[in-house]
């Protein structure tokens, strides 16, 4: 049985010519673990309605002698799409760290983390 939403809203219902922007961005998350990308510079041209964004961790997260000395095996970031706040596309970022032995893992909000690098795709109209 399909879900019956109180106020259904399909942002894609009248889309005629979608516009896509993609690339790699590097920056710092906010204190609430949010990464924002200015889509005016990503899309160029006139203002666009932001419909959806996808992002993945662009860093290697590899085990290196530097992060082994800090007691971690690797750090990975997960990105969760948030509703846009024009002119920004926004993602909630979680940091996942694996222990040096690989037996423990912690996942927390990536609050005020610099050097977060993500590969993104944003769809607008």
N, C-alpha and C. Protein backbone atom coordinates (compact mmCIF):
# COMPACT_ATOMS: atom_id res chain seq x y z
N UNK A 1 0.85 -1.17 0.00
CA UNK A 1 0.00 0.00 0.00
C UNK A 1 0.90 1.24 0.00
N UNK A 2 0.69 2.18 -0.91
CA UNK A 2 1.53 3.38 -0.96
C UNK A 2 1.27 4.30 0.22
N UNK A 3 2.27 5.09 0.54
CA UNK A 3 2.14 6.06 1.63
C UNK A 3 1.20 7.18 1.21
N UNK A 4 0.46 7.70 2.15
CA UNK A 4 -0.44 8.81 1.89
C UNK A 4 0.06 10.01 2.68
N UNK A 5 0.77 10.91 2.04
CA UNK A 5 1.32 12.07 2.70
C UNK A 5 0.27 13.17 2.84
N UNK A 6 0.35 13.91 3.93
CA UNK A 6 -0.62 14.98 4.18
C UNK A 6 -0.52 16.09 3.13
N UNK A 7 0.68 16.48 2.78
CA UNK A 7 0.90 17.54 1.79
C UNK A 7 1.91 17.07 0.75
N UNK A 8 1.52 16.20 -0.15
CA UNK A 8 2.49 15.69 -1.13
C UNK A 8 3.00 16.82 -2.02
N UNK A 9 4.28 16.77 -2.30
CA UNK A 9 4.90 17.81 -3.14
C UNK A 9 5.98 17.16 -3.99
N UNK A 10 5.81 17.23 -5.26
CA UNK A 10 6.78 16.64 -6.19
C UNK A 10 7.51 17.76 -6.89
N UNK A 11 8.75 18.03 -6.46
CA UNK A 11 9.53 19.13 -7.04
C UNK A 11 9.87 18.89 -8.50
N UNK A 12 9.77 17.66 -8.95
CA UNK A 12 10.16 17.31 -10.31
C UNK A 12 8.98 17.37 -11.29
N UNK A 13 7.78 17.64 -10.82
CA UNK A 13 6.59 17.51 -11.65
C UNK A 13 6.61 18.42 -12.88
N UNK A 14 7.18 19.59 -12.78
CA UNK A 14 7.16 20.53 -13.90
C UNK A 14 8.56 20.80 -14.46
N UNK A 15 9.47 19.92 -14.22
CA UNK A 15 10.84 20.17 -14.69
C UNK A 15 10.92 19.96 -16.21
N UNK A 16 11.46 20.94 -16.89
CA UNK A 16 11.55 20.86 -18.35
C UNK A 16 12.97 20.62 -18.82
N UNK A 17 13.89 21.35 -18.29
CA UNK A 17 15.28 21.23 -18.73
C UNK A 17 16.19 21.24 -17.51
N UNK A 18 16.49 20.07 -16.96
CA UNK A 18 17.36 20.05 -15.77
C UNK A 18 18.76 20.55 -16.09
N UNK A 19 19.37 21.15 -15.09
CA UNK A 19 20.73 21.65 -15.21
C UNK A 19 21.57 20.89 -14.18
N UNK A 20 22.72 20.40 -14.61
CA UNK A 20 23.59 19.63 -13.73
C UNK A 20 24.90 20.37 -13.53
N UNK A 21 25.43 20.31 -12.32
CA UNK A 21 26.76 20.84 -12.03
C UNK A 21 27.47 19.81 -11.19
N UNK A 22 28.72 19.57 -11.48
CA UNK A 22 29.48 18.58 -10.72
C UNK A 22 30.93 18.98 -10.64
N UNK A 23 31.63 18.36 -9.72
CA UNK A 23 33.04 18.63 -9.57
C UNK A 23 33.53 18.22 -8.20
N UNK A 24 34.63 18.80 -7.81
CA UNK A 24 35.24 18.52 -6.51
C UNK A 24 35.33 19.83 -5.75
N UNK A 25 34.97 19.79 -4.49
CA UNK A 25 35.04 20.98 -3.65
C UNK A 25 35.72 20.63 -2.35
N UNK A 26 36.47 21.57 -1.82
CA UNK A 26 37.17 21.38 -0.54
C UNK A 26 36.84 22.54 0.37
N UNK A 27 36.56 22.24 1.63
CA UNK A 27 36.21 23.32 2.55
C UNK A 27 36.13 22.85 3.98
N UNK A 28 35.48 23.65 4.80
CA UNK A 28 35.34 23.40 6.23
C UNK A 28 33.88 23.24 6.58
N UNK A 29 33.56 22.27 7.41
CA UNK A 29 32.19 22.08 7.85
C UNK A 29 31.87 23.09 8.96
N UNK A 30 30.58 23.34 9.16
CA UNK A 30 30.16 24.26 10.21
C UNK A 30 30.19 23.54 11.56
N UNK A 31 29.87 24.27 12.61
CA UNK A 31 29.84 23.67 13.95
C UNK A 31 28.73 22.64 14.09
N UNK A 32 27.74 22.67 13.19
CA UNK A 32 26.68 21.66 13.21
C UNK A 32 26.92 20.55 12.19
N UNK A 33 28.12 20.48 11.64
CA UNK A 33 28.47 19.40 10.72
C UNK A 33 27.87 19.54 9.34
N UNK A 34 27.70 20.78 8.86
CA UNK A 34 27.11 21.02 7.54
C UNK A 34 28.18 21.54 6.59
N UNK A 35 28.18 21.01 5.37
CA UNK A 35 29.06 21.47 4.30
C UNK A 35 28.16 22.14 3.27
N UNK A 36 28.46 23.37 2.90
CA UNK A 36 27.64 24.11 1.95
C UNK A 36 28.44 24.46 0.71
N UNK A 37 27.81 24.34 -0.45
CA UNK A 37 28.44 24.63 -1.73
C UNK A 37 27.62 25.71 -2.42
N UNK A 38 28.25 26.79 -2.84
CA UNK A 38 27.56 27.88 -3.53
C UNK A 38 27.28 27.45 -4.96
N UNK A 39 26.00 27.21 -5.26
CA UNK A 39 25.65 26.71 -6.59
C UNK A 39 25.61 27.80 -7.64
N UNK A 40 25.60 29.06 -7.23
CA UNK A 40 25.66 30.14 -8.23
C UNK A 40 26.99 30.04 -8.96
N UNK A 41 28.07 29.79 -8.22
CA UNK A 41 29.37 29.64 -8.89
C UNK A 41 29.47 28.29 -9.58
N UNK A 42 28.77 27.27 -9.08
CA UNK A 42 28.82 25.95 -9.71
C UNK A 42 28.04 25.93 -11.03
N UNK A 43 26.82 26.49 -11.03
CA UNK A 43 25.99 26.51 -12.23
C UNK A 43 26.37 27.63 -13.18
N UNK A 44 26.71 28.78 -12.62
CA UNK A 44 26.92 29.95 -13.46
C UNK A 44 25.58 30.44 -14.00
N UNK A 45 25.56 31.59 -14.60
CA UNK A 45 24.34 32.11 -15.20
C UNK A 45 23.32 32.57 -14.17
N UNK A 46 22.04 32.55 -14.56
CA UNK A 46 20.98 33.07 -13.68
C UNK A 46 20.73 32.15 -12.48
N UNK A 47 20.02 32.64 -11.46
CA UNK A 47 19.69 31.81 -10.30
C UNK A 47 18.92 30.57 -10.71
N UNK A 48 19.17 29.47 -10.02
CA UNK A 48 18.51 28.20 -10.32
C UNK A 48 17.81 27.67 -9.08
N UNK A 49 16.73 26.95 -9.30
CA UNK A 49 16.11 26.23 -8.19
C UNK A 49 16.90 24.94 -7.98
N UNK A 50 17.33 24.70 -6.76
CA UNK A 50 18.10 23.49 -6.46
C UNK A 50 17.12 22.37 -6.14
N UNK A 51 17.25 21.25 -6.84
CA UNK A 51 16.34 20.13 -6.62
C UNK A 51 16.98 19.03 -5.79
N UNK A 52 18.24 18.71 -6.08
CA UNK A 52 18.87 17.60 -5.37
C UNK A 52 20.38 17.70 -5.50
N UNK A 53 21.08 17.15 -4.52
CA UNK A 53 22.54 17.10 -4.57
C UNK A 53 23.04 15.79 -4.01
N UNK A 54 24.11 15.31 -4.55
CA UNK A 54 24.74 14.07 -4.11
C UNK A 54 26.23 14.35 -3.91
N UNK A 55 26.84 13.74 -2.91
CA UNK A 55 28.27 13.94 -2.66
C UNK A 55 28.88 12.67 -2.09
N UNK A 56 30.15 12.48 -2.37
CA UNK A 56 30.90 11.36 -1.80
C UNK A 56 32.28 11.86 -1.38
N UNK A 57 32.92 11.09 -0.51
CA UNK A 57 34.23 11.44 0.01
C UNK A 57 35.27 11.30 -1.10
N UNK A 58 35.98 12.37 -1.37
CA UNK A 58 37.00 12.35 -2.43
C UNK A 58 38.38 11.99 -1.88
N UNK A 59 38.55 12.07 -0.56
CA UNK A 59 39.85 11.74 0.04
C UNK A 59 40.08 10.24 0.02
N UNK A 60 41.32 9.83 0.15
CA UNK A 60 41.64 8.40 0.09
C UNK A 60 41.31 7.68 1.37
N UNK A 61 41.41 8.35 2.52
CA UNK A 61 41.16 7.69 3.80
C UNK A 61 42.17 6.60 4.09
N UNK A 62 43.29 6.64 3.39
CA UNK A 62 44.28 5.57 3.48
C UNK A 62 45.01 5.57 4.82
N UNK A 63 45.50 4.42 5.18
CA UNK A 63 46.31 4.29 6.39
C UNK A 63 47.72 4.76 6.07
N UNK A 64 48.17 5.78 6.78
CA UNK A 64 49.51 6.32 6.57
C UNK A 64 50.25 6.34 7.90
N UNK A 65 51.56 6.51 7.83
CA UNK A 65 52.34 6.55 9.07
C UNK A 65 51.91 7.72 9.95
N UNK A 66 51.45 8.81 9.34
CA UNK A 66 51.02 9.99 10.10
C UNK A 66 49.76 9.69 10.92
N UNK A 67 48.76 9.04 10.28
CA UNK A 67 47.54 8.81 11.06
C UNK A 67 47.65 7.57 11.95
N UNK A 68 48.56 6.66 11.67
CA UNK A 68 48.81 5.54 12.60
C UNK A 68 49.39 6.10 13.89
N UNK A 69 50.29 7.10 13.78
CA UNK A 69 50.88 7.72 14.96
C UNK A 69 49.80 8.40 15.82
N UNK A 70 48.72 8.87 15.17
CA UNK A 70 47.63 9.49 15.91
C UNK A 70 46.65 8.46 16.47
N UNK A 71 46.87 7.19 16.15
CA UNK A 71 46.02 6.13 16.67
C UNK A 71 44.81 5.80 15.81
N UNK A 72 44.79 6.29 14.57
CA UNK A 72 43.67 5.96 13.69
C UNK A 72 44.17 5.26 12.44
N UNK A 73 43.34 4.42 11.89
CA UNK A 73 43.67 3.73 10.65
C UNK A 73 43.30 4.58 9.44
N UNK A 74 42.18 5.23 9.51
CA UNK A 74 41.73 6.05 8.40
C UNK A 74 40.50 6.83 8.80
N UNK A 75 40.23 7.89 8.06
CA UNK A 75 39.06 8.72 8.31
C UNK A 75 38.27 8.83 7.02
N UNK A 76 36.97 8.59 7.13
CA UNK A 76 36.08 8.65 5.98
C UNK A 76 34.91 9.56 6.31
N UNK A 77 34.38 10.23 5.29
CA UNK A 77 33.24 11.12 5.49
C UNK A 77 32.04 10.61 4.72
N UNK A 78 30.88 10.70 5.35
CA UNK A 78 29.60 10.37 4.71
C UNK A 78 28.81 11.66 4.57
N UNK A 79 28.13 11.83 3.44
CA UNK A 79 27.38 13.05 3.15
C UNK A 79 25.90 12.73 3.01
N UNK A 80 25.07 13.44 3.77
CA UNK A 80 23.62 13.29 3.70
C UNK A 80 23.03 14.58 3.15
N UNK A 81 22.26 14.48 2.08
CA UNK A 81 21.66 15.66 1.45
C UNK A 81 20.69 16.33 2.41
N UNK A 82 20.79 17.65 2.51
CA UNK A 82 19.84 18.45 3.27
C UNK A 82 19.06 19.31 2.29
N UNK A 83 17.95 19.83 2.72
CA UNK A 83 17.21 20.72 1.83
C UNK A 83 18.07 21.94 1.52
N UNK A 84 17.99 22.44 0.30
CA UNK A 84 18.85 23.57 -0.08
C UNK A 84 18.44 24.86 0.62
N UNK A 85 19.38 25.75 0.70
CA UNK A 85 19.16 27.08 1.24
C UNK A 85 19.83 28.03 0.25
N UNK A 86 19.11 28.33 -0.84
CA UNK A 86 19.69 29.06 -1.96
C UNK A 86 20.46 30.28 -1.49
N UNK A 87 21.67 30.53 -1.98
CA UNK A 87 22.30 29.90 -3.14
C UNK A 87 23.17 28.68 -2.79
N UNK A 88 22.95 28.08 -1.65
CA UNK A 88 23.81 26.96 -1.23
C UNK A 88 23.10 25.62 -1.32
N UNK A 89 23.82 24.62 -1.78
CA UNK A 89 23.41 23.22 -1.63
C UNK A 89 24.10 22.76 -0.36
N UNK A 90 23.38 22.01 0.50
CA UNK A 90 23.93 21.69 1.81
C UNK A 90 23.86 20.19 2.08
N UNK A 91 24.90 19.70 2.73
CA UNK A 91 24.99 18.31 3.16
C UNK A 91 25.36 18.24 4.63
N UNK A 92 24.77 17.29 5.34
CA UNK A 92 25.22 16.97 6.71
C UNK A 92 26.38 16.00 6.54
N UNK A 93 27.47 16.23 7.29
CA UNK A 93 28.68 15.42 7.14
C UNK A 93 28.94 14.64 8.43
N UNK A 94 29.18 13.35 8.27
CA UNK A 94 29.56 12.50 9.40
C UNK A 94 30.98 11.99 9.16
N UNK A 95 31.76 11.99 10.24
CA UNK A 95 33.15 11.51 10.17
C UNK A 95 33.20 10.12 10.78
N UNK A 96 33.74 9.18 10.03
CA UNK A 96 33.90 7.81 10.48
C UNK A 96 35.39 7.53 10.60
N UNK A 97 35.83 7.19 11.81
CA UNK A 97 37.24 6.87 12.04
C UNK A 97 37.37 5.43 12.47
N UNK A 98 38.34 4.75 11.88
CA UNK A 98 38.62 3.36 12.19
C UNK A 98 39.90 3.31 13.01
N UNK A 99 39.92 2.45 14.05
CA UNK A 99 41.10 2.35 14.91
C UNK A 99 42.27 1.74 14.17
N UNK A 100 43.47 1.91 14.73
CA UNK A 100 44.70 1.41 14.10
C UNK A 100 44.64 -0.10 13.90
N UNK A 101 44.03 -0.82 14.82
CA UNK A 101 43.90 -2.27 14.68
C UNK A 101 42.74 -2.68 13.81
N UNK A 102 41.89 -1.72 13.47
CA UNK A 102 40.74 -2.01 12.62
C UNK A 102 39.60 -2.68 13.37
N UNK A 103 39.65 -2.70 14.70
CA UNK A 103 38.63 -3.39 15.48
C UNK A 103 37.54 -2.46 16.00
N UNK A 104 37.79 -1.16 15.97
CA UNK A 104 36.80 -0.21 16.47
C UNK A 104 36.55 0.88 15.45
N UNK A 105 35.34 1.38 15.47
CA UNK A 105 34.97 2.45 14.56
C UNK A 105 34.07 3.43 15.29
N UNK A 106 34.26 4.71 15.03
CA UNK A 106 33.39 5.72 15.59
C UNK A 106 32.85 6.60 14.47
N UNK A 107 31.57 6.95 14.58
CA UNK A 107 30.96 7.85 13.61
C UNK A 107 30.31 9.00 14.37
N UNK A 108 30.73 10.22 14.06
CA UNK A 108 30.20 11.41 14.73
C UNK A 108 29.97 12.50 13.68
N UNK A 109 29.22 13.52 14.04
CA UNK A 109 29.08 14.67 13.14
C UNK A 109 30.45 15.31 12.94
N UNK A 110 30.73 15.67 11.72
CA UNK A 110 32.01 16.32 11.40
C UNK A 110 31.87 17.80 11.69
N UNK A 111 32.04 18.18 12.95
CA UNK A 111 31.85 19.57 13.35
C UNK A 111 33.15 20.36 13.22
N UNK A 112 33.10 21.43 12.44
CA UNK A 112 34.23 22.34 12.24
C UNK A 112 35.50 21.60 11.82
N UNK A 113 35.37 20.74 10.80
CA UNK A 113 36.51 19.99 10.26
C UNK A 113 36.97 20.69 8.99
N UNK A 114 38.26 21.03 8.91
CA UNK A 114 38.78 21.68 7.70
C UNK A 114 39.35 20.62 6.77
N UNK A 115 39.47 20.95 5.52
CA UNK A 115 40.05 20.06 4.54
C UNK A 115 39.14 18.93 4.10
N UNK A 116 37.83 19.06 4.31
CA UNK A 116 36.89 18.05 3.83
C UNK A 116 36.79 18.20 2.31
N UNK A 117 37.05 17.12 1.59
CA UNK A 117 37.02 17.15 0.14
C UNK A 117 35.93 16.22 -0.36
N UNK A 118 35.03 16.76 -1.17
CA UNK A 118 33.93 15.94 -1.66
C UNK A 118 33.78 16.08 -3.16
N UNK A 119 33.29 15.02 -3.76
CA UNK A 119 32.94 15.00 -5.17
C UNK A 119 31.43 15.15 -5.21
N UNK A 120 30.91 16.12 -5.95
CA UNK A 120 29.49 16.41 -5.89
C UNK A 120 28.83 16.45 -7.25
N UNK A 121 27.51 16.27 -7.21
CA UNK A 121 26.65 16.47 -8.36
C UNK A 121 25.39 17.17 -7.85
N UNK A 122 25.03 18.29 -8.44
CA UNK A 122 23.86 19.05 -8.04
C UNK A 122 22.95 19.18 -9.25
N UNK A 123 21.65 18.97 -9.03
CA UNK A 123 20.65 19.08 -10.08
C UNK A 123 19.76 20.28 -9.78
N UNK A 124 19.53 21.09 -10.78
CA UNK A 124 18.68 22.26 -10.62
C UNK A 124 17.87 22.50 -11.88
N UNK A 125 17.08 23.54 -11.84
CA UNK A 125 16.28 23.89 -12.99
C UNK A 125 16.20 25.41 -13.12
